[in-house]
Protein backbone atom coordinates (compact mmCIF):
# COMPACT_ATOMS: atom_id res chain seq x y z
CA UNK A 1 0.00 0.00 0.00
CA UNK A 2 1.34 3.41 -0.94
CA UNK A 3 1.16 6.50 1.25
CA UNK A 4 -1.79 7.75 -0.83
CA UNK A 5 -3.57 4.41 -0.34
CA UNK A 6 -3.13 4.77 3.43
CA UNK A 7 -4.47 8.33 3.34
CA UNK A 8 -7.49 7.20 1.33
CA UNK A 9 -8.11 4.30 3.69
CA UNK A 10 -7.87 6.64 6.68
CA UNK A 11 -10.36 9.04 5.16
CA UNK A 12 -12.70 6.16 4.36
CA UNK A 13 -12.35 4.80 7.86
CA UNK A 14 -13.48 8.00 9.54
CA UNK A 15 -16.33 8.45 7.06
CA UNK A 16 -17.61 4.89 7.21
CA UNK A 17 -18.05 4.42 10.95
CA UNK A 18 -21.70 4.16 10.00
CA UNK A 19 -23.16 2.74 13.18
CA UNK A 20 -22.58 6.18 14.68
CA UNK A 21 -24.99 7.58 12.10
CA UNK A 22 -27.87 5.49 13.48
CA UNK A 23 -28.31 7.58 16.66
CA UNK A 24 -27.96 10.73 14.51
CA UNK A 25 -30.71 9.49 12.19
CA UNK A 26 -32.93 8.66 15.16
CA UNK A 27 -32.28 12.14 16.55
CA UNK A 28 -33.41 13.75 13.28
CA UNK A 29 -36.60 11.65 13.34
CA UNK A 30 -37.19 12.64 16.96
CA UNK A 31 -36.71 16.31 16.01
CA UNK A 32 -39.58 15.94 13.53
CA UNK A 33 -41.73 14.28 16.19
CA UNK A 34 -40.86 17.05 18.65
CA UNK A 35 -41.87 19.67 16.09
CA UNK A 36 -45.20 17.86 15.69
CA UNK A 37 -45.46 17.59 19.50
CA UNK A 38 -46.25 13.88 19.30
CA UNK A 39 -46.53 11.77 22.46
CA UNK A 40 -43.96 12.66 25.11
CA UNK A 41 -42.60 15.41 22.86
CA UNK A 42 -45.50 17.60 23.95
CA UNK A 43 -43.27 18.32 26.95
CA UNK A 44 -40.31 20.67 26.58
CA UNK A 45 -38.01 18.29 28.48
CA UNK A 46 -38.54 15.26 26.21
CA UNK A 47 -36.24 16.22 23.34
CA UNK A 48 -33.22 17.15 25.54
CA UNK A 49 -33.67 13.87 27.43
CA UNK A 50 -33.84 11.94 24.13
CA UNK A 51 -30.70 13.76 22.95
CA UNK A 52 -28.84 12.81 26.13
CA UNK A 53 -29.95 9.18 25.83
CA UNK A 54 -28.82 9.01 22.20
CA UNK A 55 -25.43 10.48 23.16
CA UNK A 56 -25.09 7.82 25.85
CA UNK A 57 -26.13 5.13 23.35
CA UNK A 58 -23.41 6.35 20.97
CA UNK A 59 -20.62 5.74 23.49
CA UNK A 60 -20.52 1.91 23.15
CA UNK A 61 -20.63 2.25 19.37
CA UNK A 62 -17.70 4.68 19.46
CA UNK A 63 -15.84 2.37 21.85
CA UNK A 64 -16.48 -0.60 19.53
CA UNK A 65 -14.91 1.22 16.60
CA UNK A 66 -11.93 2.33 18.69
CA UNK A 67 -11.28 -1.13 20.13
CA UNK A 68 -11.79 -3.11 16.93
CA UNK A 69 -10.63 -0.74 14.19
CA UNK A 70 -8.36 1.69 16.02
CA UNK A 71 -8.42 5.44 16.00
CA UNK A 72 -7.23 7.77 13.31
CA UNK A 73 -6.48 11.32 14.32
CA UNK A 74 -7.60 13.89 11.78
CA UNK A 75 -5.11 16.62 11.03
CA UNK A 76 -5.92 20.19 12.05
CA UNK A 77 -6.52 20.98 8.40
CA UNK A 78 -8.99 18.09 8.06
CA UNK A 79 -10.78 19.17 11.24
CA UNK A 80 -11.09 22.74 9.94
CA UNK A 81 -12.41 21.46 6.61
CA UNK A 82 -15.01 19.41 8.48
CA UNK A 83 -16.13 22.40 10.55
CA UNK A 84 -16.30 24.56 7.42
CA UNK A 85 -18.30 21.87 5.59
CA UNK A 86 -20.79 21.64 8.46
CA UNK A 87 -21.21 25.42 8.54
CA UNK A 88 -21.74 25.53 4.77
CA UNK A 89 -24.21 22.64 5.00
CA UNK A 90 -26.28 24.48 7.60
CA UNK A 91 -26.33 27.61 5.45
CA UNK A 92 -27.30 25.62 2.33
CA UNK A 93 -30.16 23.81 4.09
CA UNK A 94 -31.55 26.99 5.69
CA UNK A 95 -31.09 29.22 2.64
CA UNK A 96 -32.31 26.54 0.23
CA UNK A 97 -35.37 25.94 2.36
CA UNK A 98 -36.18 29.65 2.45
CA UNK A 99 -35.62 30.05 -1.28
CA UNK A 100 -37.62 27.00 -2.34
CA UNK A 101 -40.59 27.22 0.01
CA UNK A 102 -40.99 30.53 1.77
CA UNK A 103 -44.01 32.77 1.61
CA UNK A 104 -41.70 35.75 1.08
CA UNK A 105 -42.05 37.64 -2.19
CA UNK A 106 -38.47 36.81 -3.23
CA UNK A 107 -38.83 33.03 -2.81
CA UNK A 108 -39.68 30.56 -5.56
CA UNK A 109 -42.48 29.01 -3.43
CA UNK A 110 -42.31 25.67 -5.26
CA UNK A 111 -44.45 22.65 -4.27
CA UNK A 112 -41.36 20.72 -3.18
CA UNK A 113 -39.91 19.55 0.12
CA UNK A 114 -36.94 21.88 0.66
CA UNK A 115 -35.53 20.05 3.68
CA UNK A 116 -35.39 16.76 1.74
CA UNK A 117 -33.86 18.43 -1.32
CA UNK A 118 -31.21 20.49 0.45
CA UNK A 119 -30.29 17.70 2.89
CA UNK A 120 -29.85 15.23 0.01
CA UNK A 121 -27.74 17.69 -1.99
CA UNK A 122 -25.51 18.45 1.01
CA UNK A 123 -24.99 14.74 1.71
CA UNK A 124 -24.23 13.88 -1.92
CA UNK A 125 -21.72 16.73 -2.21
CA UNK A 126 -20.11 15.95 1.15
CA UNK A 127 -19.57 12.31 0.19
CA UNK A 128 -18.31 13.31 -3.23
CA UNK A 129 -15.77 15.72 -1.74
CA UNK A 130 -14.97 13.47 1.22
CA UNK A 131 -14.06 9.80 1.09
CA UNK A 132 -15.93 9.30 -2.16
CA UNK A 133 -19.44 8.71 -3.38
CA UNK A 134 -20.45 5.06 -3.18
CA UNK A 135 -23.36 3.36 -4.92
CA UNK A 136 -25.45 3.26 -1.73
CA UNK A 137 -24.97 7.01 -1.27
CA UNK A 138 -26.26 7.67 -4.77
CA UNK A 139 -29.27 5.42 -4.20
CA UNK A 140 -30.21 6.67 -0.72
CA UNK A 141 -29.52 10.39 -1.16
CA UNK A 142 -30.72 10.35 -4.76
CA UNK A 143 -34.02 8.81 -3.61
CA UNK A 144 -34.38 11.52 -0.95
CA UNK A 145 -33.63 14.19 -3.55
CA UNK A 146 -36.21 12.80 -5.97
CA UNK A 147 -38.83 12.40 -3.22
CA UNK A 148 -38.28 15.99 -2.15
CA UNK A 149 -38.36 17.33 -5.70
CA UNK A 150 -41.66 15.69 -6.60
CA UNK A 151 -44.21 18.50 -7.04
CA UNK A 152 -46.64 16.99 -4.52
CA UNK A 153 -45.77 19.08 -1.48
CA UNK A 154 -48.52 21.68 -1.76
CA UNK A 155 -50.36 22.83 1.31
CA UNK A 156 -48.93 22.58 4.78
CA UNK A 157 -45.23 23.11 5.45
CA UNK A 158 -43.56 19.75 4.63
CA UNK A 159 -40.42 20.41 6.70
CA UNK A 160 -41.16 17.80 9.35
CA UNK A 161 -41.81 15.13 6.73
CA UNK A 162 -38.49 16.16 5.15
CA UNK A 163 -36.77 15.76 8.52
CA UNK A 164 -38.39 12.36 8.98
CA UNK A 165 -37.22 11.22 5.53
CA UNK A 166 -33.73 12.63 6.14
CA UNK A 167 -33.50 10.77 9.46
CA UNK A 168 -34.40 7.49 7.81
CA UNK A 169 -31.87 8.19 5.03
CA UNK A 170 -29.11 8.96 7.56
CA UNK A 171 -29.82 5.69 9.36
CA UNK A 172 -29.83 3.64 6.14
CA UNK A 173 -26.67 5.33 4.92
CA UNK A 174 -25.03 4.54 8.25
CA UNK A 175 -25.87 0.85 7.97
CA UNK A 176 -24.42 0.66 4.45
CA UNK A 177 -21.38 2.76 5.43
CA UNK A 178 -20.64 0.28 8.21
CA UNK A 179 -20.94 -2.59 5.72
CA UNK A 180 -18.45 -0.73 3.49
CA UNK A 181 -16.05 -0.40 6.44
CA UNK A 182 -16.30 -4.12 7.22
CA UNK A 183 -15.86 -5.00 3.53
CA UNK A 184 -12.78 -2.76 3.27
CA UNK A 185 -11.03 -3.59 6.54
CA UNK A 186 -12.54 -6.95 7.49
CA UNK A 187 -14.69 -8.00 10.40
CA UNK A 188 -13.55 -6.79 13.80
CA UNK A 189 -13.32 -10.35 15.18
CA UNK A 190 -11.15 -11.41 12.22
CA UNK A 191 -8.65 -8.66 13.06
CA UNK A 192 -7.72 -10.36 16.32
CA UNK A 193 -9.62 -7.82 18.38
C-alpha atoms as a PDB file:
ATOM      1  CA  UNK A   1       0.000   0.000   0.000  1.00  0.00           C
ATOM      2  CA  UNK A   2       1.343   3.412  -0.940  1.00  0.00           C
ATOM      3  CA  UNK A   3       1.159   6.496   1.252  1.00  0.00           C
ATOM      4  CA  UNK A   4      -1.795   7.746  -0.833  1.00  0.00           C
ATOM      5  CA  UNK A   5      -3.567   4.410  -0.336  1.00  0.00           C
ATOM      6  CA  UNK A   6      -3.128   4.772   3.430  1.00  0.00           C
ATOM      7  CA  UNK A   7      -4.475   8.328   3.340  1.00  0.00           C
ATOM      8  CA  UNK A   8      -7.494   7.200   1.326  1.00  0.00           C
ATOM      9  CA  UNK A   9      -8.114   4.298   3.694  1.00  0.00           C
ATOM     10  CA  UNK A  10      -7.867   6.638   6.682  1.00  0.00           C
ATOM     11  CA  UNK A  11     -10.363   9.041   5.156  1.00  0.00           C
ATOM     12  CA  UNK A  12     -12.703   6.156   4.361  1.00  0.00           C
ATOM     13  CA  UNK A  13     -12.346   4.803   7.858  1.00  0.00           C
ATOM     14  CA  UNK A  14     -13.478   7.995   9.538  1.00  0.00           C
ATOM     15  CA  UNK A  15     -16.330   8.445   7.062  1.00  0.00           C
ATOM     16  CA  UNK A  16     -17.610   4.888   7.213  1.00  0.00           C
ATOM     17  CA  UNK A  17     -18.053   4.422  10.954  1.00  0.00           C
ATOM     18  CA  UNK A  18     -21.702   4.162   9.998  1.00  0.00           C
ATOM     19  CA  UNK A  19     -23.161   2.736  13.176  1.00  0.00           C
ATOM     20  CA  UNK A  20     -22.583   6.182  14.683  1.00  0.00           C
ATOM     21  CA  UNK A  21     -24.994   7.576  12.102  1.00  0.00           C
ATOM     22  CA  UNK A  22     -27.869   5.492  13.481  1.00  0.00           C
ATOM     23  CA  UNK A  23     -28.307   7.578  16.661  1.00  0.00           C
ATOM     24  CA  UNK A  24     -27.958  10.726  14.511  1.00  0.00           C
ATOM     25  CA  UNK A  25     -30.714   9.487  12.188  1.00  0.00           C
ATOM     26  CA  UNK A  26     -32.935   8.661  15.158  1.00  0.00           C
ATOM     27  CA  UNK A  27     -32.281  12.145  16.554  1.00  0.00           C
ATOM     28  CA  UNK A  28     -33.413  13.745  13.284  1.00  0.00           C
ATOM     29  CA  UNK A  29     -36.603  11.646  13.338  1.00  0.00           C
ATOM     30  CA  UNK A  30     -37.194  12.641  16.965  1.00  0.00           C
ATOM     31  CA  UNK A  31     -36.711  16.306  16.007  1.00  0.00           C
ATOM     32  CA  UNK A  32     -39.583  15.939  13.528  1.00  0.00           C
ATOM     33  CA  UNK A  33     -41.727  14.276  16.190  1.00  0.00           C
ATOM     34  CA  UNK A  34     -40.862  17.050  18.649  1.00  0.00           C
ATOM     35  CA  UNK A  35     -41.872  19.670  16.090  1.00  0.00           C
ATOM     36  CA  UNK A  36     -45.202  17.856  15.689  1.00  0.00           C
ATOM     37  CA  UNK A  37     -45.462  17.592  19.499  1.00  0.00           C
ATOM     38  CA  UNK A  38     -46.246  13.881  19.301  1.00  0.00           C
ATOM     39  CA  UNK A  39     -46.531  11.773  22.461  1.00  0.00           C
ATOM     40  CA  UNK A  40     -43.963  12.657  25.107  1.00  0.00           C
ATOM     41  CA  UNK A  41     -42.597  15.407  22.857  1.00  0.00           C
ATOM     42  CA  UNK A  42     -45.501  17.600  23.952  1.00  0.00           C
ATOM     43  CA  UNK A  43     -43.272  18.319  26.949  1.00  0.00           C
ATOM     44  CA  UNK A  44     -40.313  20.666  26.583  1.00  0.00           C
ATOM     45  CA  UNK A  45     -38.007  18.292  28.484  1.00  0.00           C
ATOM     46  CA  UNK A  46     -38.543  15.262  26.214  1.00  0.00           C
ATOM     47  CA  UNK A  47     -36.238  16.224  23.340  1.00  0.00           C
ATOM     48  CA  UNK A  48     -33.222  17.152  25.538  1.00  0.00           C
ATOM     49  CA  UNK A  49     -33.675  13.868  27.428  1.00  0.00           C
ATOM     50  CA  UNK A  50     -33.836  11.943  24.129  1.00  0.00           C
ATOM     51  CA  UNK A  51     -30.704  13.764  22.947  1.00  0.00           C
ATOM     52  CA  UNK A  52     -28.845  12.812  26.132  1.00  0.00           C
ATOM     53  CA  UNK A  53     -29.945   9.177  25.833  1.00  0.00           C
ATOM     54  CA  UNK A  54     -28.822   9.014  22.202  1.00  0.00           C
ATOM     55  CA  UNK A  55     -25.433  10.482  23.158  1.00  0.00           C
ATOM     56  CA  UNK A  56     -25.089   7.821  25.853  1.00  0.00           C
ATOM     57  CA  UNK A  57     -26.128   5.132  23.354  1.00  0.00           C
ATOM     58  CA  UNK A  58     -23.406   6.352  20.973  1.00  0.00           C
ATOM     59  CA  UNK A  59     -20.616   5.736  23.488  1.00  0.00           C
ATOM     60  CA  UNK A  60     -20.515   1.912  23.152  1.00  0.00           C
ATOM     61  CA  UNK A  61     -20.629   2.254  19.373  1.00  0.00           C
ATOM     62  CA  UNK A  62     -17.697   4.676  19.457  1.00  0.00           C
ATOM     63  CA  UNK A  63     -15.837   2.369  21.854  1.00  0.00           C
ATOM     64  CA  UNK A  64     -16.475  -0.602  19.531  1.00  0.00           C
ATOM     65  CA  UNK A  65     -14.910   1.222  16.596  1.00  0.00           C
ATOM     66  CA  UNK A  66     -11.928   2.325  18.688  1.00  0.00           C
ATOM     67  CA  UNK A  67     -11.278  -1.126  20.131  1.00  0.00           C
ATOM     68  CA  UNK A  68     -11.795  -3.108  16.929  1.00  0.00           C
ATOM     69  CA  UNK A  69     -10.634  -0.737  14.191  1.00  0.00           C
ATOM     70  CA  UNK A  70      -8.360   1.687  16.022  1.00  0.00           C
ATOM     71  CA  UNK A  71      -8.416   5.439  15.997  1.00  0.00           C
ATOM     72  CA  UNK A  72      -7.226   7.774  13.308  1.00  0.00           C
ATOM     73  CA  UNK A  73      -6.476  11.324  14.319  1.00  0.00           C
ATOM     74  CA  UNK A  74      -7.604  13.885  11.778  1.00  0.00           C
ATOM     75  CA  UNK A  75      -5.111  16.625  11.033  1.00  0.00           C
ATOM     76  CA  UNK A  76      -5.923  20.186  12.053  1.00  0.00           C
ATOM     77  CA  UNK A  77      -6.518  20.984   8.401  1.00  0.00           C
ATOM     78  CA  UNK A  78      -8.988  18.091   8.059  1.00  0.00           C
ATOM     79  CA  UNK A  79     -10.777  19.171  11.237  1.00  0.00           C
ATOM     80  CA  UNK A  80     -11.087  22.741   9.943  1.00  0.00           C
ATOM     81  CA  UNK A  81     -12.408  21.462   6.607  1.00  0.00           C
ATOM     82  CA  UNK A  82     -15.009  19.410   8.478  1.00  0.00           C
ATOM     83  CA  UNK A  83     -16.128  22.396  10.548  1.00  0.00           C
ATOM     84  CA  UNK A  84     -16.302  24.565   7.421  1.00  0.00           C
ATOM     85  CA  UNK A  85     -18.298  21.870   5.589  1.00  0.00           C
ATOM     86  CA  UNK A  86     -20.792  21.637   8.460  1.00  0.00           C
ATOM     87  CA  UNK A  87     -21.206  25.420   8.538  1.00  0.00           C
ATOM     88  CA  UNK A  88     -21.737  25.529   4.773  1.00  0.00           C
ATOM     89  CA  UNK A  89     -24.212  22.635   4.999  1.00  0.00           C
ATOM     90  CA  UNK A  90     -26.285  24.479   7.600  1.00  0.00           C
ATOM     91  CA  UNK A  91     -26.327  27.611   5.450  1.00  0.00           C
ATOM     92  CA  UNK A  92     -27.298  25.617   2.327  1.00  0.00           C
ATOM     93  CA  UNK A  93     -30.160  23.806   4.093  1.00  0.00           C
ATOM     94  CA  UNK A  94     -31.549  26.985   5.689  1.00  0.00           C
ATOM     95  CA  UNK A  95     -31.085  29.223   2.641  1.00  0.00           C
ATOM     96  CA  UNK A  96     -32.308  26.542   0.231  1.00  0.00           C
ATOM     97  CA  UNK A  97     -35.370  25.940   2.357  1.00  0.00           C
ATOM     98  CA  UNK A  98     -36.177  29.646   2.452  1.00  0.00           C
ATOM     99  CA  UNK A  99     -35.616  30.053  -1.277  1.00  0.00           C
ATOM    100  CA  UNK A 100     -37.625  27.002  -2.336  1.00  0.00           C
ATOM    101  CA  UNK A 101     -40.587  27.218   0.012  1.00  0.00           C
ATOM    102  CA  UNK A 102     -40.992  30.533   1.772  1.00  0.00           C
ATOM    103  CA  UNK A 103     -44.011  32.774   1.609  1.00  0.00           C
ATOM    104  CA  UNK A 104     -41.696  35.753   1.081  1.00  0.00           C
ATOM    105  CA  UNK A 105     -42.050  37.635  -2.188  1.00  0.00           C
ATOM    106  CA  UNK A 106     -38.470  36.808  -3.230  1.00  0.00           C
ATOM    107  CA  UNK A 107     -38.826  33.030  -2.813  1.00  0.00           C
ATOM    108  CA  UNK A 108     -39.684  30.564  -5.557  1.00  0.00           C
ATOM    109  CA  UNK A 109     -42.479  29.009  -3.432  1.00  0.00           C
ATOM    110  CA  UNK A 110     -42.309  25.674  -5.258  1.00  0.00           C
ATOM    111  CA  UNK A 111     -44.452  22.650  -4.274  1.00  0.00           C
ATOM    112  CA  UNK A 112     -41.362  20.717  -3.175  1.00  0.00           C
ATOM    113  CA  UNK A 113     -39.910  19.552   0.120  1.00  0.00           C
ATOM    114  CA  UNK A 114     -36.943  21.883   0.664  1.00  0.00           C
ATOM    115  CA  UNK A 115     -35.526  20.045   3.676  1.00  0.00           C
ATOM    116  CA  UNK A 116     -35.385  16.765   1.742  1.00  0.00           C
ATOM    117  CA  UNK A 117     -33.857  18.426  -1.321  1.00  0.00           C
ATOM    118  CA  UNK A 118     -31.213  20.486   0.447  1.00  0.00           C
ATOM    119  CA  UNK A 119     -30.289  17.705   2.888  1.00  0.00           C
ATOM    120  CA  UNK A 120     -29.850  15.235   0.015  1.00  0.00           C
ATOM    121  CA  UNK A 121     -27.736  17.692  -1.993  1.00  0.00           C
ATOM    122  CA  UNK A 122     -25.514  18.448   1.008  1.00  0.00           C
ATOM    123  CA  UNK A 123     -24.991  14.744   1.714  1.00  0.00           C
ATOM    124  CA  UNK A 124     -24.232  13.883  -1.922  1.00  0.00           C
ATOM    125  CA  UNK A 125     -21.715  16.727  -2.210  1.00  0.00           C
ATOM    126  CA  UNK A 126     -20.107  15.950   1.151  1.00  0.00           C
ATOM    127  CA  UNK A 127     -19.574  12.308   0.193  1.00  0.00           C
ATOM    128  CA  UNK A 128     -18.310  13.313  -3.232  1.00  0.00           C
ATOM    129  CA  UNK A 129     -15.767  15.716  -1.739  1.00  0.00           C
ATOM    130  CA  UNK A 130     -14.972  13.467   1.217  1.00  0.00           C
ATOM    131  CA  UNK A 131     -14.062   9.798   1.085  1.00  0.00           C
ATOM    132  CA  UNK A 132     -15.932   9.295  -2.160  1.00  0.00           C
ATOM    133  CA  UNK A 133     -19.437   8.713  -3.382  1.00  0.00           C
ATOM    134  CA  UNK A 134     -20.449   5.058  -3.175  1.00  0.00           C
ATOM    135  CA  UNK A 135     -23.360   3.365  -4.916  1.00  0.00           C
ATOM    136  CA  UNK A 136     -25.446   3.255  -1.733  1.00  0.00           C
ATOM    137  CA  UNK A 137     -24.966   7.009  -1.267  1.00  0.00           C
ATOM    138  CA  UNK A 138     -26.259   7.673  -4.768  1.00  0.00           C
ATOM    139  CA  UNK A 139     -29.274   5.417  -4.204  1.00  0.00           C
ATOM    140  CA  UNK A 140     -30.206   6.668  -0.717  1.00  0.00           C
ATOM    141  CA  UNK A 141     -29.520  10.386  -1.156  1.00  0.00           C
ATOM    142  CA  UNK A 142     -30.720  10.349  -4.763  1.00  0.00           C
ATOM    143  CA  UNK A 143     -34.020   8.813  -3.612  1.00  0.00           C
ATOM    144  CA  UNK A 144     -34.379  11.516  -0.949  1.00  0.00           C
ATOM    145  CA  UNK A 145     -33.632  14.190  -3.547  1.00  0.00           C
ATOM    146  CA  UNK A 146     -36.206  12.799  -5.973  1.00  0.00           C
ATOM    147  CA  UNK A 147     -38.826  12.396  -3.220  1.00  0.00           C
ATOM    148  CA  UNK A 148     -38.282  15.994  -2.149  1.00  0.00           C
ATOM    149  CA  UNK A 149     -38.361  17.327  -5.701  1.00  0.00           C
ATOM    150  CA  UNK A 150     -41.660  15.686  -6.601  1.00  0.00           C
ATOM    151  CA  UNK A 151     -44.211  18.498  -7.036  1.00  0.00           C
ATOM    152  CA  UNK A 152     -46.638  16.986  -4.516  1.00  0.00           C
ATOM    153  CA  UNK A 153     -45.767  19.081  -1.484  1.00  0.00           C
ATOM    154  CA  UNK A 154     -48.520  21.676  -1.756  1.00  0.00           C
ATOM    155  CA  UNK A 155     -50.363  22.826   1.308  1.00  0.00           C
ATOM    156  CA  UNK A 156     -48.933  22.580   4.781  1.00  0.00           C
ATOM    157  CA  UNK A 157     -45.233  23.106   5.448  1.00  0.00           C
ATOM    158  CA  UNK A 158     -43.564  19.753   4.628  1.00  0.00           C
ATOM    159  CA  UNK A 159     -40.419  20.414   6.697  1.00  0.00           C
ATOM    160  CA  UNK A 160     -41.158  17.796   9.346  1.00  0.00           C
ATOM    161  CA  UNK A 161     -41.813  15.126   6.727  1.00  0.00           C
ATOM    162  CA  UNK A 162     -38.491  16.160   5.146  1.00  0.00           C
ATOM    163  CA  UNK A 163     -36.769  15.761   8.521  1.00  0.00           C
ATOM    164  CA  UNK A 164     -38.386  12.365   8.977  1.00  0.00           C
ATOM    165  CA  UNK A 165     -37.221  11.219   5.527  1.00  0.00           C
ATOM    166  CA  UNK A 166     -33.732  12.631   6.145  1.00  0.00           C
ATOM    167  CA  UNK A 167     -33.497  10.772   9.464  1.00  0.00           C
ATOM    168  CA  UNK A 168     -34.396   7.490   7.811  1.00  0.00           C
ATOM    169  CA  UNK A 169     -31.867   8.188   5.031  1.00  0.00           C
ATOM    170  CA  UNK A 170     -29.106   8.959   7.557  1.00  0.00           C
ATOM    171  CA  UNK A 171     -29.825   5.688   9.356  1.00  0.00           C
ATOM    172  CA  UNK A 172     -29.829   3.645   6.135  1.00  0.00           C
ATOM    173  CA  UNK A 173     -26.667   5.334   4.921  1.00  0.00           C
ATOM    174  CA  UNK A 174     -25.027   4.536   8.250  1.00  0.00           C
ATOM    175  CA  UNK A 175     -25.870   0.854   7.968  1.00  0.00           C
ATOM    176  CA  UNK A 176     -24.423   0.664   4.452  1.00  0.00           C
ATOM    177  CA  UNK A 177     -21.378   2.759   5.428  1.00  0.00           C
ATOM    178  CA  UNK A 178     -20.642   0.281   8.210  1.00  0.00           C
ATOM    179  CA  UNK A 179     -20.935  -2.586   5.719  1.00  0.00           C
ATOM    180  CA  UNK A 180     -18.447  -0.733   3.492  1.00  0.00           C
ATOM    181  CA  UNK A 181     -16.048  -0.403   6.444  1.00  0.00           C
ATOM    182  CA  UNK A 182     -16.298  -4.118   7.215  1.00  0.00           C
ATOM    183  CA  UNK A 183     -15.862  -4.998   3.534  1.00  0.00           C
ATOM    184  CA  UNK A 184     -12.784  -2.760   3.273  1.00  0.00           C
ATOM    185  CA  UNK A 185     -11.029  -3.588   6.540  1.00  0.00           C
ATOM    186  CA  UNK A 186     -12.540  -6.953   7.489  1.00  0.00           C
ATOM    187  CA  UNK A 187     -14.691  -8.002  10.404  1.00  0.00           C
ATOM    188  CA  UNK A 188     -13.549  -6.793  13.795  1.00  0.00           C
ATOM    189  CA  UNK A 189     -13.324 -10.348  15.180  1.00  0.00           C
ATOM    190  CA  UNK A 190     -11.152 -11.413  12.224  1.00  0.00           C
ATOM    191  CA  UNK A 191      -8.655  -8.660  13.063  1.00  0.00           C
ATOM    192  CA  UNK A 192      -7.721 -10.363  16.324  1.00  0.00           C
ATOM    193  CA  UNK A 193      -9.624  -7.822  18.383  1.00  0.00           C
END
